[in-house]
Amino acid sequence: MTKKSKKDYVINNDIEKKFQILKSVYEIGKILTSTLDSERVLQLITERVGELLSAKNWSLLLLDEEKEELYFGIVVGDGADKIVKKRLKLGEGIAGWVAVNRQPILIPDVSKDPRFFPGMDRISGFKTESIICAPLISKGKVLGVIELINKKIGDEFTESDLESLTHLADYIAIAIDNAKNFEKIQELTIKDDLTCLYNTRFFHEMLEREIKRAIRKKRDLSLIFMDLDHFKDVNDTYGHIYGSLLLRQVAEVIKESVRNIDIPIRYGGDEFVIVLPETGKKQAEIVARRILENLRNNVFLKEEGLNLKLTASLGYATYPEDAKDKEGLIKAADNAMYRVKNTSRNNILSA
């Protein structure tokens, strides 16, 4: 029998270690691609990456296509809370370079690489020494990058580390892409095609949940019903195409008028509803008045040369002051809106 040399044992150990890492990557990949919930995907990535790859800090940056920026979706390690949600321009820093060039990269010493951007170190107080970074690509499309900073054991990352990260990045990209596609399909069932606001189906399900939450937390919940004044005249005079364009522009005004916590819905035709979580009557009146003022001050269908002015009738109601359940709250706000509609129009009224 041939006696094995020390070199043979080292090679065998390296092969065994590499096999175990790739096996772990595969297992993580199976777990990641088994869920379609984007929040769960990010949670799994957070839990599993730290287990597999020995890095002091690591980040997952996702691509905002519209703004052509990368933002830190996950940051783990020292100073993480200071840079999560921060943004880099495409091409900026190592991560930006990887996203643009679609290539994984290993940099043993960032101080010698002109592509390194020290801005995040200044914000976080963490000193970057070495980096491995891989793009997240699914179906030929870049979704973001994953980067590991400063190895825990040893001075530098190795090509084997980069290979493991690249394999893991493939699974992460598939998982993120699947979750995004699933969310888009779900969104189609709860969004109005014309205005991109939530639809009536979503409204009833969501309002039920919000009522239960208001009961549990002993908080107020308000509802605004809005109907456009003389909208039928627009359709009769200019046609339904212009009527549809007008509804789209009204939806934009509503979105710009409400707060981040408020939920605007197209109820049907030219009726809209706005759900105001944890909102009392006084604040609901402020929101309703702001919507009406913004509608009054807008000129609609300018590009089409029509330059229309528009008003609306709004009614609002508050749980538990005006109603004790979902149906009662809808009826109270709707009745208030119709009282405006049947009298002065172009006004707001409380239940």
Protein backbone atom coordinates (compact mmCIF):
# COMPACT_ATOMS: atom_id res chain seq x y z
CA MET A 1 0.00 0.00 0.00
CA THR A 2 1.30 3.41 -0.94
CA LYS A 3 1.94 5.65 2.02
CA LYS A 4 0.08 8.98 1.80
CA SER A 5 2.11 12.13 2.17
CA LYS A 6 1.23 15.12 4.34
CA LYS A 7 0.45 16.98 1.12
CA ASP A 8 -2.13 14.35 0.17
CA TYR A 9 -3.90 14.76 3.52
CA VAL A 10 -4.02 18.54 3.08
CA ILE A 11 -5.53 18.16 -0.42
CA ASN A 12 -8.08 15.63 0.84
CA ASN A 13 -9.01 17.88 3.75
CA ASP A 14 -9.48 20.83 1.39
CA ILE A 15 -11.68 18.73 -0.91
CA GLU A 16 -13.74 17.49 2.05
CA LYS A 17 -14.14 21.04 3.39
CA LYS A 18 -15.17 22.33 -0.02
CA PHE A 19 -17.67 19.49 -0.38
CA GLN A 20 -19.21 20.27 3.01
CA ILE A 21 -19.53 23.97 2.18
CA LEU A 22 -21.17 23.27 -1.19
CA LYS A 23 -23.48 20.77 0.50
CA SER A 24 -24.48 23.47 3.01
CA VAL A 25 -25.03 25.95 0.17
CA TYR A 26 -27.30 23.41 -1.53
CA GLU A 27 -29.27 22.81 1.68
CA ILE A 28 -29.68 26.55 2.23
CA GLY A 29 -30.74 26.92 -1.40
CA LYS A 30 -33.50 24.33 -0.95
CA ILE A 31 -34.80 26.15 2.13
CA LEU A 32 -34.64 29.57 0.45
CA THR A 33 -36.47 28.51 -2.69
CA SER A 34 -39.21 26.73 -0.72
CA THR A 35 -40.97 29.96 0.30
CA LEU A 36 -42.67 32.70 -1.72
CA ASP A 37 -42.88 35.23 1.11
CA SER A 38 -40.28 37.97 0.50
CA GLU A 39 -39.98 38.87 4.20
CA ARG A 40 -39.42 35.21 5.07
CA VAL A 41 -36.82 34.93 2.29
CA LEU A 42 -34.85 37.86 3.73
CA GLN A 43 -35.17 36.41 7.22
CA LEU A 44 -33.82 33.03 6.05
CA ILE A 45 -30.94 34.73 4.26
CA THR A 46 -30.10 36.61 7.46
CA GLU A 47 -30.15 33.42 9.52
CA ARG A 48 -28.27 31.14 7.12
CA VAL A 49 -25.53 33.24 5.55
CA GLY A 50 -23.98 33.96 8.95
CA GLU A 51 -23.94 30.22 9.70
CA LEU A 52 -22.10 29.32 6.52
CA LEU A 53 -19.58 32.06 5.74
CA SER A 54 -17.22 33.43 8.38
CA ALA A 55 -17.37 37.18 7.90
CA LYS A 56 -17.33 39.93 10.51
CA ASN A 57 -19.86 41.99 8.51
CA TRP A 58 -22.02 41.19 5.50
CA SER A 59 -24.70 42.92 3.48
CA LEU A 60 -27.39 42.15 0.95
CA LEU A 61 -28.04 45.09 -1.38
CA LEU A 62 -31.11 45.14 -3.60
CA LEU A 63 -31.51 47.02 -6.87
CA ASP A 64 -33.96 49.89 -7.21
CA GLU A 65 -34.31 49.87 -11.01
CA GLU A 66 -36.26 53.11 -11.23
CA LYS A 67 -33.65 55.15 -9.33
CA GLU A 68 -30.69 53.07 -10.58
CA GLU A 69 -29.47 52.62 -7.02
CA LEU A 70 -28.57 49.80 -4.67
CA TYR A 71 -30.02 49.92 -1.16
CA PHE A 72 -28.92 47.93 1.89
CA GLY A 73 -31.77 45.46 2.49
CA ILE A 74 -29.88 43.39 5.06
CA VAL A 75 -26.82 44.43 7.06
CA VAL A 76 -25.28 42.18 9.70
CA GLY A 77 -22.36 43.14 11.95
CA ASP A 78 -20.85 46.21 13.58
CA GLY A 79 -22.58 49.49 12.70
CA ALA A 80 -25.33 47.65 10.78
CA ASP A 81 -28.14 49.86 12.09
CA LYS A 82 -26.40 52.96 10.71
CA ILE A 83 -26.30 51.84 7.08
CA VAL A 84 -29.41 49.66 6.61
CA LYS A 85 -31.60 51.30 3.91
CA LYS A 86 -28.69 53.56 2.83
CA ARG A 87 -28.14 53.76 -0.93
CA LEU A 88 -25.33 53.58 -3.48
CA LYS A 89 -25.47 54.67 -7.10
CA LEU A 90 -24.96 51.90 -9.64
CA GLY A 91 -21.22 51.68 -10.26
CA GLU A 92 -20.37 53.24 -6.88
CA GLY A 93 -18.08 51.21 -4.63
CA ILE A 94 -17.30 47.51 -4.93
CA ALA A 95 -20.98 46.52 -4.72
CA GLY A 96 -21.91 49.04 -7.42
CA TRP A 97 -19.12 47.77 -9.68
CA VAL A 98 -20.26 44.15 -9.22
CA ALA A 99 -23.87 45.06 -10.06
CA VAL A 100 -22.85 46.86 -13.26
CA ASN A 101 -20.27 44.29 -14.41
CA ARG A 102 -22.25 41.24 -13.24
CA GLN A 103 -19.08 39.55 -11.99
CA PRO A 104 -18.11 38.21 -8.55
CA ILE A 105 -14.96 39.71 -7.09
CA LEU A 106 -12.44 39.08 -4.32
CA ILE A 107 -10.42 42.01 -2.98
CA PRO A 108 -7.85 41.02 -0.32
CA ASP A 109 -6.94 44.64 0.50
CA VAL A 110 -9.46 47.37 -0.30
CA SER A 111 -6.94 50.12 0.45
CA LYS A 112 -5.18 49.17 -2.79
CA ASP A 113 -8.32 49.12 -4.93
CA PRO A 114 -9.56 52.44 -6.44
CA ARG A 115 -13.10 51.08 -6.75
CA PHE A 116 -13.55 50.95 -2.97
CA PHE A 117 -15.95 53.58 -1.59
CA PRO A 118 -15.16 54.45 2.08
CA GLY A 119 -18.39 56.37 2.66
CA MET A 120 -20.19 53.51 4.44
CA ASP A 121 -17.19 52.96 6.74
CA ARG A 122 -17.41 56.61 7.78
CA ILE A 123 -21.12 56.22 8.53
CA SER A 124 -20.88 52.89 10.37
CA GLY A 125 -17.52 53.36 12.11
CA PHE A 126 -16.44 49.94 10.80
CA LYS A 127 -13.12 49.50 8.97
CA THR A 128 -13.29 47.43 5.80
CA GLU A 129 -10.12 45.52 5.00
CA SER A 130 -11.14 42.77 2.57
CA ILE A 131 -14.28 41.99 0.57
CA ILE A 132 -15.85 39.23 -1.46
CA CYS A 133 -18.91 40.23 -3.44
CA ALA A 134 -21.20 38.42 -5.89
CA PRO A 135 -24.11 39.62 -8.07
CA LEU A 136 -27.64 38.30 -7.57
CA ILE A 137 -28.80 37.37 -11.08
CA SER A 138 -32.00 35.55 -12.01
CA LYS A 139 -33.21 34.99 -15.59
CA GLY A 140 -30.46 37.29 -16.84
CA LYS A 141 -31.60 40.16 -14.62
CA VAL A 142 -29.51 41.72 -11.82
CA LEU A 143 -31.54 41.93 -8.60
CA GLY A 144 -28.73 43.11 -6.31
CA VAL A 145 -25.46 41.93 -4.77
CA ILE A 146 -24.26 40.17 -1.64
CA GLU A 147 -20.97 41.21 -0.05
CA LEU A 148 -18.92 39.83 2.85
CA ILE A 149 -16.44 42.04 4.68
CA ASN A 150 -13.38 41.00 6.74
CA LYS A 151 -13.03 37.30 7.40
CA LYS A 152 -13.39 36.16 11.01
CA ILE A 153 -10.79 33.38 10.80
CA GLY A 154 -7.61 34.18 8.90
CA ASP A 155 -6.52 37.42 7.33
CA GLU A 156 -8.15 37.23 3.90
CA PHE A 157 -10.93 35.60 1.95
CA THR A 158 -9.98 32.86 -0.50
CA GLU A 159 -11.08 31.87 -3.99
CA SER A 160 -12.92 28.97 -2.33
CA ASP A 161 -14.91 31.48 -0.23
CA LEU A 162 -15.78 33.41 -3.37
CA GLU A 163 -16.91 30.23 -5.13
CA SER A 164 -19.18 29.35 -2.18
CA LEU A 165 -20.63 32.85 -2.10
CA THR A 166 -21.27 32.78 -5.85
CA HIS A 167 -23.18 29.49 -5.57
CA LEU A 168 -25.18 30.86 -2.65
CA ALA A 169 -25.91 34.08 -4.58
CA ASP A 170 -27.53 31.99 -7.34
CA TYR A 171 -30.02 30.49 -4.87
CA ILE A 172 -30.67 33.83 -3.18
CA ALA A 173 -31.42 35.43 -6.56
CA ILE A 174 -33.88 32.68 -7.47
CA ALA A 175 -35.60 32.97 -4.07
CA ILE A 176 -35.92 36.77 -4.30
CA ASP A 177 -37.15 36.61 -7.90
CA ASN A 178 -39.76 33.94 -7.06
CA ALA A 179 -41.01 35.97 -4.09
CA LYS A 180 -41.24 39.17 -6.17
CA ASN A 181 -43.16 37.42 -8.95
CA PHE A 182 -45.55 35.87 -6.43
CA GLU A 183 -46.17 39.28 -4.86
CA LYS A 184 -46.91 40.78 -8.29
CA ILE A 185 -49.50 38.06 -8.96
CA GLN A 186 -51.05 38.63 -5.53
CA GLU A 187 -51.09 42.38 -6.13
CA LEU A 188 -53.08 41.93 -9.34
CA THR A 189 -55.93 40.43 -7.30
CA ILE A 190 -56.11 43.34 -4.84
CA LYS A 191 -55.27 46.33 -7.06
CA ASP A 192 -57.55 48.30 -9.36
CA ASP A 193 -56.24 48.06 -12.94
CA LEU A 194 -57.08 51.65 -13.85
CA THR A 195 -55.88 53.66 -10.83
CA CYS A 196 -53.44 51.17 -9.22
CA LEU A 197 -55.16 51.86 -5.90
CA TYR A 198 -56.43 48.94 -3.82
CA ASN A 199 -59.77 47.51 -4.93
CA THR A 200 -63.07 46.78 -3.12
CA ARG A 201 -62.17 43.16 -2.46
CA PHE A 202 -59.04 44.19 -0.59
CA PHE A 203 -60.93 46.98 1.19
CA HIS A 204 -63.43 44.68 2.89
CA GLU A 205 -60.79 42.18 3.99
CA MET A 206 -58.42 44.88 5.22
CA LEU A 207 -61.09 46.93 7.03
CA GLU A 208 -62.16 43.82 8.94
CA ARG A 209 -58.57 43.36 10.12
CA GLU A 210 -58.21 47.05 11.01
CA ILE A 211 -61.43 47.03 13.06
CA LYS A 212 -60.18 44.01 15.04
CA ARG A 213 -56.84 45.74 15.59
CA ALA A 214 -58.58 48.92 16.74
CA ILE A 215 -60.66 46.89 19.21
CA ARG A 216 -57.60 45.02 20.49
CA LYS A 217 -55.47 48.16 20.90
CA LYS A 218 -58.39 50.37 21.98
CA ARG A 219 -57.58 52.89 19.24
CA ASP A 220 -59.69 55.00 16.89
CA LEU A 221 -60.14 54.12 13.22
CA SER A 222 -61.58 56.52 10.63
CA LEU A 223 -62.99 56.13 7.14
CA ILE A 224 -63.46 58.71 4.36
CA PHE A 225 -65.90 58.18 1.49
CA MET A 226 -65.42 60.43 -1.56
CA ASP A 227 -67.49 60.85 -4.71
CA LEU A 228 -66.47 63.14 -7.57
CA ASP A 229 -68.91 65.94 -8.38
CA HIS A 230 -70.47 65.89 -11.86
CA PHE A 231 -68.10 63.18 -13.12
CA LYS A 232 -70.82 61.89 -15.47
CA ASP A 233 -70.60 65.19 -17.34
CA VAL A 234 -66.93 64.49 -18.18
CA ASN A 235 -67.79 61.09 -19.67
CA ASP A 236 -70.80 62.50 -21.55
CA THR A 237 -68.89 65.50 -22.92
CA TYR A 238 -65.41 64.11 -23.62
CA GLY A 239 -65.87 60.32 -23.67
CA HIS A 240 -64.87 57.45 -21.42
CA ILE A 241 -61.20 57.50 -22.44
CA TYR A 242 -60.78 60.96 -20.96
CA GLY A 243 -62.94 59.91 -18.00
CA SER A 244 -60.52 57.07 -17.28
CA LEU A 245 -57.51 59.37 -17.56
CA LEU A 246 -59.19 61.76 -15.14
CA LEU A 247 -59.75 58.97 -12.59
CA ARG A 248 -56.06 58.06 -12.81
CA GLN A 249 -55.05 61.65 -12.11
CA VAL A 250 -57.51 61.90 -9.21
CA ALA A 251 -55.97 58.74 -7.72
CA GLU A 252 -52.54 60.43 -7.86
CA VAL A 253 -53.89 63.49 -6.05
CA ILE A 254 -55.37 61.27 -3.34
CA LYS A 255 -52.09 59.38 -2.88
CA GLU A 256 -50.19 62.67 -2.56
CA SER A 257 -52.74 64.03 -0.07
CA VAL A 258 -52.84 61.18 2.45
CA ARG A 259 -50.29 60.06 5.02
CA ASN A 260 -48.06 57.00 4.75
CA ILE A 261 -50.27 55.04 7.15
CA ASP A 262 -53.49 55.81 5.22
CA ILE A 263 -54.85 53.33 2.68
CA PRO A 264 -56.60 54.75 -0.43
CA ILE A 265 -59.02 52.51 -2.34
CA ARG A 266 -61.04 52.85 -5.54
CA TYR A 267 -64.47 51.77 -4.35
CA GLY A 268 -66.06 51.71 -7.79
CA GLY A 269 -66.89 54.13 -10.60
CA ASP A 270 -65.89 57.58 -9.37
CA GLU A 271 -66.09 56.68 -5.67
CA PHE A 272 -63.01 56.39 -3.49
CA VAL A 273 -62.44 55.32 0.11
CA ILE A 274 -59.55 56.14 2.41
CA VAL A 275 -58.93 54.03 5.53
CA LEU A 276 -57.22 55.96 8.34
CA PRO A 277 -55.73 53.57 10.96
CA GLU A 278 -55.30 54.87 14.52
CA THR A 279 -56.97 58.14 13.55
CA GLY A 280 -59.59 60.10 15.44
CA LYS A 281 -62.27 62.36 14.03
CA LYS A 282 -60.28 65.59 14.22
CA GLN A 283 -57.34 64.16 12.25
CA ALA A 284 -59.74 62.52 9.77
CA GLU A 285 -61.27 65.93 9.09
CA ILE A 286 -57.79 67.35 8.39
CA VAL A 287 -57.04 64.57 5.88
CA ALA A 288 -60.45 64.93 4.18
CA ARG A 289 -60.06 68.71 3.90
CA ARG A 290 -56.54 68.33 2.45
CA ILE A 291 -57.82 65.93 -0.23
CA LEU A 292 -60.62 68.33 -1.18
CA GLU A 293 -58.33 71.37 -1.28
CA ASN A 294 -55.79 69.54 -3.45
CA LEU A 295 -58.54 68.49 -5.87
CA ARG A 296 -59.85 72.07 -6.05
CA ASN A 297 -56.37 73.46 -6.70
CA ASN A 298 -55.49 70.96 -9.43
CA VAL A 299 -56.00 71.37 -13.15
CA PHE A 300 -56.78 68.00 -14.72
CA LEU A 301 -56.09 66.69 -18.23
CA LYS A 302 -53.76 69.58 -19.03
CA GLU A 303 -51.67 67.61 -21.52
CA GLU A 304 -54.86 66.65 -23.34
CA GLY A 305 -55.74 70.35 -23.63
CA LEU A 306 -58.93 70.12 -21.54
CA ASN A 307 -57.73 71.92 -18.37
CA LEU A 308 -60.61 70.68 -16.21
CA LYS A 309 -61.36 71.81 -12.67
CA LEU A 310 -62.87 69.28 -10.30
CA THR A 311 -64.49 69.07 -6.86
CA ALA A 312 -65.79 66.22 -4.72
CA SER A 313 -68.17 65.34 -1.89
CA LEU A 314 -66.55 63.72 1.14
CA GLY A 315 -67.98 62.13 4.26
CA TYR A 316 -66.05 60.67 7.15
CA ALA A 317 -66.80 58.54 10.20
CA THR A 318 -64.83 57.21 13.15
CA TYR A 319 -64.83 53.98 15.13
CA PRO A 320 -65.99 53.68 17.91
CA GLU A 321 -67.58 57.14 18.05
CA ASP A 322 -69.87 56.72 15.03
CA ALA A 323 -70.08 52.94 14.68
CA LYS A 324 -69.20 49.75 16.54
CA ASP A 325 -68.42 47.44 13.59
CA LYS A 326 -67.24 47.39 9.97
CA GLU A 327 -70.69 47.61 8.36
CA GLY A 328 -71.74 50.43 10.65
CA LEU A 329 -68.58 52.43 9.90
CA ILE A 330 -69.02 52.05 6.13
CA LYS A 331 -72.67 53.09 6.36
CA ALA A 332 -71.90 56.13 8.55
CA ALA A 333 -69.16 57.48 6.25
CA ASP A 334 -71.20 56.71 3.12
CA ASN A 335 -74.29 58.46 4.49
CA ALA A 336 -72.22 61.53 5.41
CA MET A 337 -70.85 61.66 1.87
CA TYR A 338 -74.34 61.41 0.37
CA ARG A 339 -75.60 64.25 2.58
CA VAL A 340 -72.93 66.45 0.97
CA LYS A 341 -73.74 65.05 -2.48
CA ASN A 342 -77.45 65.80 -2.10
CA THR A 343 -76.97 69.34 -0.80
CA SER A 344 -74.01 71.60 -1.52
CA ARG A 345 -71.42 69.20 -3.07
CA ASN A 346 -67.77 70.41 -3.00
CA ASN A 347 -67.55 69.95 0.77
CA ILE A 348 -66.80 67.55 3.61
CA LEU A 349 -69.12 66.37 6.38
CA SER A 350 -68.74 64.25 9.50
CA ALA A 351 -71.06 61.34 10.34
